[in-house]
Amino acid sequence: MRSRKVYSDQFKQDIIIRYQQSGLSICNFCQLPDVSVSIRSINRWLKSYSVRNTHSKQRPAQTPPLENLNIVCYSIEDDDVKDATTLEEMIKFRNDVHNCCVHLYQMGCNKKNIALLSQIVGAL
């Protein structure tokens, strides 16, 4: 009989947040080299987490629909030119960067991928 590894609540929350932000399936997320938990554990934690949240007495934060957000974000470039960016554009950009990083992280180390990474680094 295998003994169950005990994880702290903080560790579980960190893994759940990382999983939810990753955009990956649970199976793919658990295959990441720095994730040391099983699919079964994450499923159990997600179920426990959602049960705790539904029984919580705190009201969930209400978020306004995206079409009602008229927030403009500014990015100051090296030459101090302000470039207005909508919140939707910024969110899409951040998601695209995240997805690109996840994809790059999962790439195998071969000559083709090394050349591709060199091009990306050169463009930065």
N, C-alpha and C. Protein backbone atom coordinates (compact mmCIF):
# COMPACT_ATOMS: atom_id res chain seq x y z
N MET A 1 0.84 -1.19 0.00
CA MET A 1 0.00 0.00 0.00
C MET A 1 0.88 1.24 0.00
N ARG A 2 0.67 2.11 -0.98
CA ARG A 2 1.45 3.34 -1.06
C ARG A 2 0.91 4.37 -0.09
N SER A 3 1.83 5.10 0.51
CA SER A 3 1.38 6.19 1.39
C SER A 3 1.17 7.44 0.55
N ARG A 4 0.19 8.20 0.92
CA ARG A 4 -0.14 9.42 0.21
C ARG A 4 0.78 10.55 0.68
N LYS A 5 1.36 11.26 -0.28
CA LYS A 5 2.22 12.39 0.06
C LYS A 5 1.35 13.53 0.55
N VAL A 6 1.79 14.21 1.59
CA VAL A 6 1.03 15.30 2.18
C VAL A 6 1.58 16.62 1.66
N TYR A 7 0.70 17.43 1.09
CA TYR A 7 1.07 18.74 0.56
C TYR A 7 0.41 19.82 1.41
N SER A 8 1.09 20.93 1.57
CA SER A 8 0.51 22.05 2.32
C SER A 8 -0.60 22.70 1.50
N ASP A 9 -1.51 23.38 2.18
CA ASP A 9 -2.59 24.08 1.48
C ASP A 9 -2.03 25.13 0.54
N GLN A 10 -0.96 25.81 0.95
CA GLN A 10 -0.34 26.83 0.11
C GLN A 10 0.19 26.21 -1.19
N PHE A 11 0.85 25.05 -1.07
CA PHE A 11 1.38 24.36 -2.25
C PHE A 11 0.23 23.98 -3.19
N LYS A 12 -0.85 23.45 -2.62
CA LYS A 12 -2.01 23.06 -3.44
C LYS A 12 -2.58 24.26 -4.18
N GLN A 13 -2.74 25.38 -3.47
CA GLN A 13 -3.28 26.58 -4.10
C GLN A 13 -2.36 27.07 -5.21
N ASP A 14 -1.05 27.04 -4.96
CA ASP A 14 -0.09 27.48 -5.97
C ASP A 14 -0.20 26.61 -7.23
N ILE A 15 -0.29 25.30 -7.04
CA ILE A 15 -0.40 24.39 -8.19
C ILE A 15 -1.71 24.63 -8.94
N ILE A 16 -2.82 24.81 -8.21
CA ILE A 16 -4.12 25.05 -8.86
C ILE A 16 -4.06 26.35 -9.67
N ILE A 17 -3.49 27.40 -9.09
CA ILE A 17 -3.40 28.68 -9.80
C ILE A 17 -2.53 28.53 -11.04
N ARG A 18 -1.37 27.87 -10.88
CA ARG A 18 -0.49 27.67 -12.04
C ARG A 18 -1.20 26.87 -13.13
N TYR A 19 -1.92 25.82 -12.73
CA TYR A 19 -2.66 25.01 -13.71
C TYR A 19 -3.70 25.86 -14.44
N GLN A 20 -4.48 26.61 -13.70
CA GLN A 20 -5.55 27.41 -14.31
C GLN A 20 -4.98 28.48 -15.23
N GLN A 21 -3.83 29.04 -14.89
CA GLN A 21 -3.23 30.07 -15.73
C GLN A 21 -2.47 29.50 -16.92
N SER A 22 -2.14 28.22 -16.85
CA SER A 22 -1.33 27.62 -17.91
C SER A 22 -2.08 27.45 -19.22
N GLY A 23 -3.39 27.23 -19.15
CA GLY A 23 -4.16 26.97 -20.36
C GLY A 23 -3.96 25.56 -20.88
N LEU A 24 -3.24 24.73 -20.14
CA LEU A 24 -2.98 23.35 -20.56
C LEU A 24 -4.03 22.41 -19.99
N SER A 25 -4.13 21.23 -20.58
CA SER A 25 -4.97 20.20 -19.98
C SER A 25 -4.26 19.72 -18.71
N ILE A 26 -4.99 19.08 -17.83
CA ILE A 26 -4.37 18.58 -16.59
C ILE A 26 -3.26 17.59 -16.94
N CYS A 27 -3.52 16.74 -17.92
CA CYS A 27 -2.52 15.75 -18.33
C CYS A 27 -1.23 16.43 -18.79
N ASN A 28 -1.34 17.42 -19.67
CA ASN A 28 -0.15 18.13 -20.16
C ASN A 28 0.53 18.92 -19.06
N PHE A 29 -0.27 19.53 -18.18
CA PHE A 29 0.30 20.30 -17.07
C PHE A 29 1.13 19.40 -16.15
N CYS A 30 0.61 18.22 -15.85
CA CYS A 30 1.31 17.30 -14.95
C CYS A 30 2.59 16.75 -15.57
N GLN A 31 2.73 16.85 -16.88
CA GLN A 31 3.94 16.37 -17.55
C GLN A 31 5.06 17.42 -17.54
N LEU A 32 4.76 18.64 -17.10
CA LEU A 32 5.81 19.66 -17.03
C LEU A 32 6.86 19.21 -16.01
N PRO A 33 8.14 19.44 -16.31
CA PRO A 33 9.20 18.96 -15.43
C PRO A 33 9.15 19.51 -14.01
N ASP A 34 8.62 20.72 -13.83
CA ASP A 34 8.60 21.31 -12.49
C ASP A 34 7.28 21.09 -11.75
N VAL A 35 6.43 20.21 -12.28
CA VAL A 35 5.17 19.87 -11.61
C VAL A 35 5.29 18.44 -11.10
N SER A 36 5.30 18.30 -9.80
CA SER A 36 5.54 16.98 -9.21
C SER A 36 4.30 16.38 -8.57
N VAL A 37 3.15 16.59 -9.21
CA VAL A 37 1.92 16.02 -8.67
C VAL A 37 1.20 15.24 -9.76
N SER A 38 0.34 14.36 -9.35
CA SER A 38 -0.38 13.51 -10.30
C SER A 38 -1.67 14.18 -10.76
N ILE A 39 -2.18 13.67 -11.86
CA ILE A 39 -3.46 14.14 -12.40
C ILE A 39 -4.55 13.94 -11.35
N ARG A 40 -4.50 12.80 -10.71
CA ARG A 40 -5.51 12.48 -9.70
C ARG A 40 -5.49 13.49 -8.55
N SER A 41 -4.29 13.88 -8.12
CA SER A 41 -4.19 14.85 -7.02
C SER A 41 -4.78 16.19 -7.42
N ILE A 42 -4.42 16.67 -8.60
CA ILE A 42 -4.94 17.96 -9.05
C ILE A 42 -6.46 17.91 -9.18
N ASN A 43 -6.98 16.83 -9.74
CA ASN A 43 -8.45 16.70 -9.84
C ASN A 43 -9.09 16.74 -8.47
N ARG A 44 -8.49 16.06 -7.51
CA ARG A 44 -9.04 16.06 -6.14
C ARG A 44 -8.98 17.46 -5.54
N TRP A 45 -7.86 18.15 -5.74
CA TRP A 45 -7.71 19.50 -5.19
C TRP A 45 -8.68 20.47 -5.85
N LEU A 46 -8.86 20.33 -7.15
CA LEU A 46 -9.81 21.21 -7.85
C LEU A 46 -11.22 21.00 -7.32
N LYS A 47 -11.59 19.77 -7.11
CA LYS A 47 -12.93 19.46 -6.58
C LYS A 47 -13.08 20.04 -5.18
N SER A 48 -12.08 19.84 -4.35
CA SER A 48 -12.10 20.36 -2.98
C SER A 48 -12.15 21.88 -2.99
N TYR A 49 -11.36 22.48 -3.87
CA TYR A 49 -11.30 23.94 -3.97
C TYR A 49 -12.64 24.51 -4.40
N SER A 50 -13.29 23.88 -5.39
CA SER A 50 -14.57 24.41 -5.85
C SER A 50 -15.65 24.20 -4.80
N VAL A 51 -15.59 23.11 -4.04
CA VAL A 51 -16.56 22.88 -2.97
C VAL A 51 -16.39 23.93 -1.89
N ARG A 52 -15.12 24.24 -1.53
CA ARG A 52 -14.88 25.26 -0.51
C ARG A 52 -15.38 26.61 -0.98
N ASN A 53 -15.18 26.94 -2.25
CA ASN A 53 -15.61 28.24 -2.75
C ASN A 53 -17.13 28.35 -2.81
N THR A 54 -17.83 27.26 -3.11
CA THR A 54 -19.29 27.34 -3.17
C THR A 54 -19.90 27.43 -1.79
N HIS A 55 -19.20 26.91 -0.77
CA HIS A 55 -19.70 27.00 0.59
C HIS A 55 -19.19 28.24 1.32
N SER A 56 -18.36 29.01 0.67
CA SER A 56 -17.81 30.21 1.29
C SER A 56 -18.92 31.24 1.48
N LYS A 57 -18.85 31.98 2.59
CA LYS A 57 -19.86 33.00 2.84
C LYS A 57 -19.55 34.29 2.12
N GLN A 58 -18.34 34.40 1.58
CA GLN A 58 -17.99 35.60 0.84
C GLN A 58 -18.66 35.56 -0.53
N ARG A 59 -19.13 36.69 -0.96
CA ARG A 59 -19.71 36.78 -2.29
C ARG A 59 -18.59 36.82 -3.31
N PRO A 60 -18.72 36.10 -4.40
CA PRO A 60 -17.68 36.15 -5.42
C PRO A 60 -17.59 37.54 -6.02
N ALA A 61 -16.39 37.92 -6.41
CA ALA A 61 -16.20 39.23 -7.02
C ALA A 61 -16.96 39.30 -8.34
N GLN A 62 -17.68 40.37 -8.52
CA GLN A 62 -18.44 40.55 -9.75
C GLN A 62 -17.56 41.29 -10.74
N THR A 63 -17.40 40.73 -11.91
CA THR A 63 -16.59 41.40 -12.92
C THR A 63 -17.51 41.95 -13.99
N PRO A 64 -17.26 43.16 -14.42
CA PRO A 64 -18.11 43.75 -15.45
C PRO A 64 -17.86 43.07 -16.79
N PRO A 65 -18.86 43.05 -17.67
CA PRO A 65 -18.65 42.49 -18.99
C PRO A 65 -17.56 43.27 -19.71
N LEU A 66 -16.78 42.58 -20.56
CA LEU A 66 -15.66 43.22 -21.24
C LEU A 66 -16.07 44.43 -22.07
N GLU A 67 -17.27 44.38 -22.67
CA GLU A 67 -17.66 45.49 -23.53
C GLU A 67 -17.87 46.79 -22.73
N ASN A 68 -18.01 46.68 -21.41
CA ASN A 68 -18.19 47.88 -20.59
C ASN A 68 -16.87 48.43 -20.07
N LEU A 69 -15.76 47.76 -20.37
CA LEU A 69 -14.47 48.23 -19.89
C LEU A 69 -13.87 49.19 -20.91
N ASN A 70 -13.74 50.43 -20.52
CA ASN A 70 -13.15 51.43 -21.40
C ASN A 70 -11.84 51.92 -20.81
N ILE A 71 -11.10 51.00 -20.22
CA ILE A 71 -9.83 51.34 -19.60
C ILE A 71 -8.77 51.38 -20.68
N VAL A 72 -7.91 52.36 -20.58
CA VAL A 72 -6.79 52.45 -21.51
C VAL A 72 -5.51 52.27 -20.72
N CYS A 73 -4.63 51.39 -21.20
CA CYS A 73 -3.36 51.15 -20.54
C CYS A 73 -2.27 51.82 -21.37
N TYR A 74 -1.31 52.41 -20.70
CA TYR A 74 -0.23 53.10 -21.39
C TYR A 74 1.08 52.35 -21.20
N SER A 75 1.81 52.26 -22.26
CA SER A 75 3.13 51.67 -22.23
C SER A 75 4.12 52.75 -22.64
N ILE A 76 5.03 53.10 -21.76
CA ILE A 76 5.99 54.14 -22.07
C ILE A 76 7.21 53.49 -22.70
N GLU A 77 7.51 53.88 -23.92
CA GLU A 77 8.64 53.34 -24.67
C GLU A 77 9.91 54.09 -24.28
N ASP A 78 11.03 53.65 -24.85
CA ASP A 78 12.32 54.30 -24.56
C ASP A 78 12.31 55.78 -24.90
N ASP A 79 11.59 56.17 -25.94
CA ASP A 79 11.59 57.57 -26.36
C ASP A 79 10.42 58.35 -25.73
N ASP A 80 9.85 57.83 -24.65
CA ASP A 80 8.77 58.47 -23.91
C ASP A 80 7.51 58.74 -24.72
N VAL A 81 7.27 57.94 -25.75
CA VAL A 81 6.04 58.07 -26.53
C VAL A 81 5.01 57.14 -25.89
N LYS A 82 3.84 57.69 -25.59
CA LYS A 82 2.79 56.86 -24.98
C LYS A 82 1.98 56.19 -26.08
N ASP A 83 1.75 54.89 -25.91
CA ASP A 83 1.01 54.10 -26.89
C ASP A 83 -0.24 53.56 -26.20
N ALA A 84 -1.41 54.10 -26.53
CA ALA A 84 -2.65 53.68 -25.89
C ALA A 84 -2.99 52.25 -26.31
N THR A 85 -3.27 51.42 -25.32
CA THR A 85 -3.64 50.03 -25.56
C THR A 85 -4.88 49.73 -24.74
N THR A 86 -5.87 49.11 -25.35
CA THR A 86 -7.08 48.77 -24.59
C THR A 86 -6.78 47.59 -23.67
N LEU A 87 -7.61 47.41 -22.69
CA LEU A 87 -7.45 46.31 -21.76
C LEU A 87 -7.55 44.98 -22.50
N GLU A 88 -8.48 44.88 -23.44
CA GLU A 88 -8.64 43.64 -24.20
C GLU A 88 -7.37 43.30 -24.97
N GLU A 89 -6.75 44.34 -25.59
CA GLU A 89 -5.51 44.11 -26.33
C GLU A 89 -4.39 43.68 -25.40
N MET A 90 -4.33 44.31 -24.23
CA MET A 90 -3.28 43.96 -23.28
C MET A 90 -3.46 42.52 -22.78
N ILE A 91 -4.70 42.12 -22.48
CA ILE A 91 -4.96 40.77 -22.02
C ILE A 91 -4.60 39.76 -23.10
N LYS A 92 -5.00 40.04 -24.34
CA LYS A 92 -4.65 39.14 -25.45
C LYS A 92 -3.15 39.03 -25.61
N PHE A 93 -2.45 40.17 -25.54
CA PHE A 93 -1.00 40.18 -25.66
C PHE A 93 -0.36 39.33 -24.57
N ARG A 94 -0.79 39.54 -23.31
CA ARG A 94 -0.22 38.78 -22.20
C ARG A 94 -0.50 37.29 -22.37
N ASN A 95 -1.70 36.92 -22.81
CA ASN A 95 -2.03 35.51 -23.04
C ASN A 95 -1.17 34.93 -24.16
N ASP A 96 -0.97 35.70 -25.23
CA ASP A 96 -0.13 35.23 -26.33
C ASP A 96 1.31 35.02 -25.87
N VAL A 97 1.83 35.94 -25.07
CA VAL A 97 3.20 35.80 -24.55
C VAL A 97 3.28 34.55 -23.67
N HIS A 98 2.29 34.38 -22.80
CA HIS A 98 2.27 33.22 -21.91
C HIS A 98 2.24 31.92 -22.72
N ASN A 99 1.34 31.85 -23.70
CA ASN A 99 1.23 30.64 -24.51
C ASN A 99 2.51 30.37 -25.28
N CYS A 100 3.14 31.42 -25.78
CA CYS A 100 4.42 31.28 -26.49
C CYS A 100 5.48 30.73 -25.54
N CYS A 101 5.54 31.26 -24.32
CA CYS A 101 6.52 30.79 -23.35
C CYS A 101 6.30 29.32 -22.99
N VAL A 102 5.04 28.94 -22.81
CA VAL A 102 4.73 27.54 -22.50
C VAL A 102 5.19 26.65 -23.65
N HIS A 103 4.88 27.08 -24.88
CA HIS A 103 5.27 26.30 -26.06
C HIS A 103 6.80 26.20 -26.15
N LEU A 104 7.50 27.31 -25.95
CA LEU A 104 8.96 27.30 -26.00
C LEU A 104 9.55 26.39 -24.92
N TYR A 105 8.95 26.43 -23.75
CA TYR A 105 9.44 25.63 -22.63
C TYR A 105 9.32 24.14 -22.92
N GLN A 106 8.30 23.76 -23.69
CA GLN A 106 8.04 22.36 -23.96
C GLN A 106 8.78 21.84 -25.20
N MET A 107 9.47 22.73 -25.91
CA MET A 107 10.17 22.31 -27.12
C MET A 107 11.35 21.42 -26.77
N GLY A 108 11.60 20.47 -27.65
CA GLY A 108 12.77 19.62 -27.49
C GLY A 108 14.02 20.38 -27.89
N CYS A 109 15.15 19.94 -27.39
CA CYS A 109 16.41 20.60 -27.69
C CYS A 109 17.02 19.94 -28.93
N ASN A 110 16.80 20.56 -30.08
CA ASN A 110 17.40 20.09 -31.32
C ASN A 110 17.86 21.29 -32.13
N LYS A 111 18.58 21.05 -33.21
CA LYS A 111 19.18 22.17 -33.97
C LYS A 111 18.12 23.12 -34.51
N LYS A 112 17.01 22.58 -34.99
CA LYS A 112 15.94 23.43 -35.54
C LYS A 112 15.39 24.37 -34.46
N ASN A 113 15.11 23.82 -33.28
CA ASN A 113 14.55 24.62 -32.20
C ASN A 113 15.56 25.61 -31.63
N ILE A 114 16.84 25.22 -31.61
CA ILE A 114 17.89 26.14 -31.15
C ILE A 114 17.98 27.33 -32.11
N ALA A 115 17.89 27.06 -33.42
CA ALA A 115 17.94 28.13 -34.42
C ALA A 115 16.72 29.05 -34.26
N LEU A 116 15.53 28.45 -34.03
CA LEU A 116 14.32 29.24 -33.85
C LEU A 116 14.43 30.14 -32.61
N LEU A 117 14.91 29.57 -31.51
CA LEU A 117 15.07 30.35 -30.29
C LEU A 117 16.09 31.49 -30.49
N SER A 118 17.16 31.21 -31.24
CA SER A 118 18.14 32.26 -31.52
C SER A 118 17.51 33.41 -32.30
N GLN A 119 16.63 33.09 -33.24
CA GLN A 119 15.93 34.14 -34.00
C GLN A 119 15.04 34.96 -33.09
N ILE A 120 14.34 34.30 -32.20
CA ILE A 120 13.45 35.01 -31.29
C ILE A 120 14.26 35.92 -30.38
N VAL A 121 15.34 35.40 -29.81
CA VAL A 121 16.19 36.19 -28.92
C VAL A 121 16.78 37.37 -29.70
N GLY A 122 17.18 37.14 -30.94
CA GLY A 122 17.73 38.21 -31.77
C GLY A 122 16.72 39.30 -32.04
N ALA A 123 15.45 38.93 -32.16
CA ALA A 123 14.39 39.91 -32.42
C ALA A 123 14.09 40.76 -31.18
N LEU A 124 14.44 40.24 -30.02
CA LEU A 124 14.17 41.00 -28.78
C LEU A 124 15.20 42.09 -28.64
